[in-house]
N, C-alpha and C. Protein backbone atom coordinates (compact mmCIF):
# COMPACT_ATOMS: atom_id res chain seq x y z
N UNK A 1 214.43 123.33 217.23
CA UNK A 1 213.55 124.45 217.48
C UNK A 1 213.28 125.16 216.15
N UNK A 2 212.04 125.42 215.87
CA UNK A 2 211.66 126.13 214.65
C UNK A 2 211.50 127.61 214.95
N UNK A 3 211.89 128.43 213.99
CA UNK A 3 211.72 129.87 214.09
C UNK A 3 210.83 130.30 212.93
N UNK A 4 209.80 131.06 213.24
CA UNK A 4 208.85 131.50 212.21
C UNK A 4 208.97 133.00 211.99
N UNK A 5 208.54 133.40 210.83
CA UNK A 5 208.50 134.81 210.48
C UNK A 5 207.10 135.11 209.92
N UNK A 6 206.66 136.33 210.09
CA UNK A 6 205.37 136.77 209.56
C UNK A 6 205.62 137.92 208.59
N UNK A 7 205.05 137.83 207.42
CA UNK A 7 205.17 138.91 206.44
C UNK A 7 203.78 139.30 205.96
N UNK A 8 203.58 140.56 205.67
CA UNK A 8 202.28 141.03 205.21
C UNK A 8 202.25 141.09 203.69
N UNK A 9 201.12 140.70 203.14
CA UNK A 9 200.90 140.69 201.71
C UNK A 9 199.57 141.39 201.43
N UNK A 10 199.55 142.22 200.40
CA UNK A 10 198.32 142.88 199.96
C UNK A 10 198.05 142.40 198.54
N UNK A 11 196.83 141.98 198.30
CA UNK A 11 196.47 141.45 196.99
C UNK A 11 195.05 141.87 196.63
N UNK A 12 194.70 141.73 195.36
CA UNK A 12 193.36 142.13 194.93
C UNK A 12 192.83 141.19 193.86
N UNK A 13 191.52 141.24 193.66
CA UNK A 13 190.85 140.42 192.66
C UNK A 13 189.60 141.15 192.21
N UNK A 14 189.21 140.90 190.98
CA UNK A 14 187.94 141.45 190.50
C UNK A 14 186.79 140.48 190.75
N UNK A 15 187.11 139.28 191.27
CA UNK A 15 186.10 138.23 191.47
C UNK A 15 185.51 138.21 192.87
N UNK A 16 186.38 138.09 193.91
CA UNK A 16 185.88 137.94 195.28
C UNK A 16 187.04 138.08 196.27
N UNK A 17 186.69 138.19 197.57
CA UNK A 17 187.71 138.21 198.61
C UNK A 17 188.45 136.88 198.62
N UNK A 18 187.71 135.77 198.50
CA UNK A 18 188.33 134.44 198.49
C UNK A 18 189.34 134.32 197.35
N UNK A 19 189.00 134.82 196.18
CA UNK A 19 189.92 134.77 195.05
C UNK A 19 191.16 135.62 195.31
N UNK A 20 190.99 136.75 195.95
CA UNK A 20 192.14 137.60 196.29
C UNK A 20 193.07 136.86 197.25
N UNK A 21 192.52 136.16 198.24
CA UNK A 21 193.33 135.39 199.17
C UNK A 21 194.06 134.28 198.43
N UNK A 22 193.36 133.55 197.60
CA UNK A 22 193.96 132.44 196.85
C UNK A 22 195.08 132.93 195.95
N UNK A 23 194.87 134.04 195.26
CA UNK A 23 195.90 134.59 194.39
C UNK A 23 197.12 135.03 195.20
N UNK A 24 196.88 135.62 196.36
CA UNK A 24 197.97 136.05 197.22
C UNK A 24 198.82 134.89 197.70
N UNK A 25 198.17 133.79 198.10
CA UNK A 25 198.89 132.60 198.56
C UNK A 25 199.65 131.96 197.39
N UNK A 26 199.00 131.88 196.23
CA UNK A 26 199.67 131.31 195.06
C UNK A 26 200.94 132.09 194.73
N UNK A 27 200.84 133.41 194.75
CA UNK A 27 202.01 134.23 194.43
C UNK A 27 203.08 134.13 195.51
N UNK A 28 202.67 134.20 196.78
CA UNK A 28 203.63 134.13 197.88
C UNK A 28 204.37 132.79 197.88
N UNK A 29 203.71 131.73 197.48
CA UNK A 29 204.33 130.40 197.50
C UNK A 29 205.47 130.29 196.50
N UNK A 30 205.54 131.19 195.53
CA UNK A 30 206.66 131.18 194.58
C UNK A 30 207.93 131.73 195.23
N UNK A 31 207.79 132.48 196.31
CA UNK A 31 208.93 133.11 196.97
C UNK A 31 209.17 132.55 198.37
N UNK A 32 208.10 132.31 199.11
CA UNK A 32 208.21 131.87 200.50
C UNK A 32 208.09 130.34 200.60
N UNK A 33 209.01 129.74 201.33
CA UNK A 33 208.95 128.30 201.58
C UNK A 33 208.48 128.08 203.02
N UNK A 34 207.82 126.98 203.26
CA UNK A 34 207.44 126.61 204.62
C UNK A 34 206.27 127.41 205.19
N UNK A 35 205.36 127.87 204.32
CA UNK A 35 204.19 128.61 204.83
C UNK A 35 203.34 127.68 205.68
N UNK A 36 202.90 128.20 206.82
CA UNK A 36 202.10 127.38 207.74
C UNK A 36 200.72 127.95 208.03
N UNK A 37 200.49 129.21 207.72
CA UNK A 37 199.18 129.79 208.00
C UNK A 37 199.08 131.23 207.57
N UNK A 38 197.88 131.76 207.66
CA UNK A 38 197.66 133.17 207.33
C UNK A 38 196.55 133.73 208.20
N UNK A 39 196.58 135.03 208.34
CA UNK A 39 195.54 135.75 209.06
C UNK A 39 195.12 136.91 208.17
N UNK A 40 193.83 137.01 207.90
CA UNK A 40 193.32 138.13 207.11
C UNK A 40 193.22 139.33 208.06
N UNK A 41 193.98 140.37 207.75
CA UNK A 41 194.03 141.55 208.61
C UNK A 41 192.96 142.57 208.22
N UNK A 42 192.68 142.66 206.93
CA UNK A 42 191.74 143.68 206.47
C UNK A 42 191.17 143.29 205.11
N UNK A 43 189.91 143.62 204.92
CA UNK A 43 189.26 143.45 203.62
C UNK A 43 188.66 144.78 203.23
N UNK A 44 188.91 145.17 201.98
CA UNK A 44 188.35 146.42 201.46
C UNK A 44 187.82 146.14 200.06
N UNK A 45 186.96 147.01 199.58
CA UNK A 45 186.45 146.87 198.23
C UNK A 45 186.43 148.24 197.55
N UNK A 46 186.72 148.23 196.27
CA UNK A 46 186.65 149.44 195.46
C UNK A 46 185.29 149.45 194.78
N UNK A 47 184.63 150.59 194.82
CA UNK A 47 183.30 150.72 194.23
C UNK A 47 183.33 151.76 193.12
N UNK A 48 182.76 151.40 192.00
CA UNK A 48 182.59 152.34 190.88
C UNK A 48 181.18 152.18 190.34
N UNK A 49 180.49 153.27 190.19
CA UNK A 49 179.13 153.23 189.65
C UNK A 49 178.18 152.39 190.48
N UNK A 50 178.39 152.37 191.79
CA UNK A 50 177.50 151.63 192.68
C UNK A 50 177.75 150.13 192.71
N UNK A 51 178.84 149.66 192.07
CA UNK A 51 179.16 148.23 192.03
C UNK A 51 180.58 147.99 192.52
N UNK A 52 180.79 146.85 193.15
CA UNK A 52 182.15 146.48 193.56
C UNK A 52 182.92 146.08 192.32
N UNK A 53 184.06 146.74 192.12
CA UNK A 53 184.90 146.45 190.96
C UNK A 53 186.21 145.75 191.33
N UNK A 54 186.56 145.80 192.62
CA UNK A 54 187.80 145.16 193.05
C UNK A 54 187.72 144.82 194.53
N UNK A 55 188.14 143.61 194.87
CA UNK A 55 188.20 143.15 196.25
C UNK A 55 189.66 143.17 196.68
N UNK A 56 189.94 143.79 197.82
CA UNK A 56 191.32 143.92 198.29
C UNK A 56 191.47 143.27 199.66
N UNK A 57 192.57 142.55 199.83
CA UNK A 57 192.82 141.82 201.08
C UNK A 57 194.24 142.09 201.55
N UNK A 58 194.38 142.39 202.83
CA UNK A 58 195.69 142.48 203.47
C UNK A 58 195.78 141.30 204.42
N UNK A 59 196.85 140.51 204.29
CA UNK A 59 196.97 139.34 205.14
C UNK A 59 198.39 139.17 205.65
N UNK A 60 198.51 138.51 206.78
CA UNK A 60 199.79 138.17 207.38
C UNK A 60 200.03 136.69 207.15
N UNK A 61 201.14 136.35 206.52
CA UNK A 61 201.48 134.97 206.22
C UNK A 61 202.62 134.53 207.13
N UNK A 62 202.44 133.39 207.80
CA UNK A 62 203.47 132.84 208.68
C UNK A 62 204.21 131.74 207.93
N UNK A 63 205.53 131.77 208.03
CA UNK A 63 206.33 130.70 207.42
C UNK A 63 207.53 130.39 208.31
N UNK A 64 208.00 129.15 208.23
CA UNK A 64 209.13 128.68 209.03
C UNK A 64 210.43 129.00 208.30
N UNK A 65 211.38 129.58 209.02
CA UNK A 65 212.68 129.89 208.42
C UNK A 65 213.50 128.62 208.24
N UNK A 66 214.29 128.58 207.16
CA UNK A 66 215.18 127.43 206.92
C UNK A 66 216.23 127.35 208.03
N UNK A 67 216.64 126.15 208.31
CA UNK A 67 217.69 125.92 209.31
C UNK A 67 219.02 126.42 208.80
């Protein structure tokens, strides 16, 4: 029987929402083993001078706990 855990991660990028997600997964993979999926919970953007300067993503990452 597998047991999974869900942890929330918040990450940002100056490029895009997709880049923020990719960076978040890359960083989480250095600490979390057995990642199986993610759910994007929220997307936000920082605006300065009428332009988006930062894309922010909050996501829930599911991973299987070690036996």
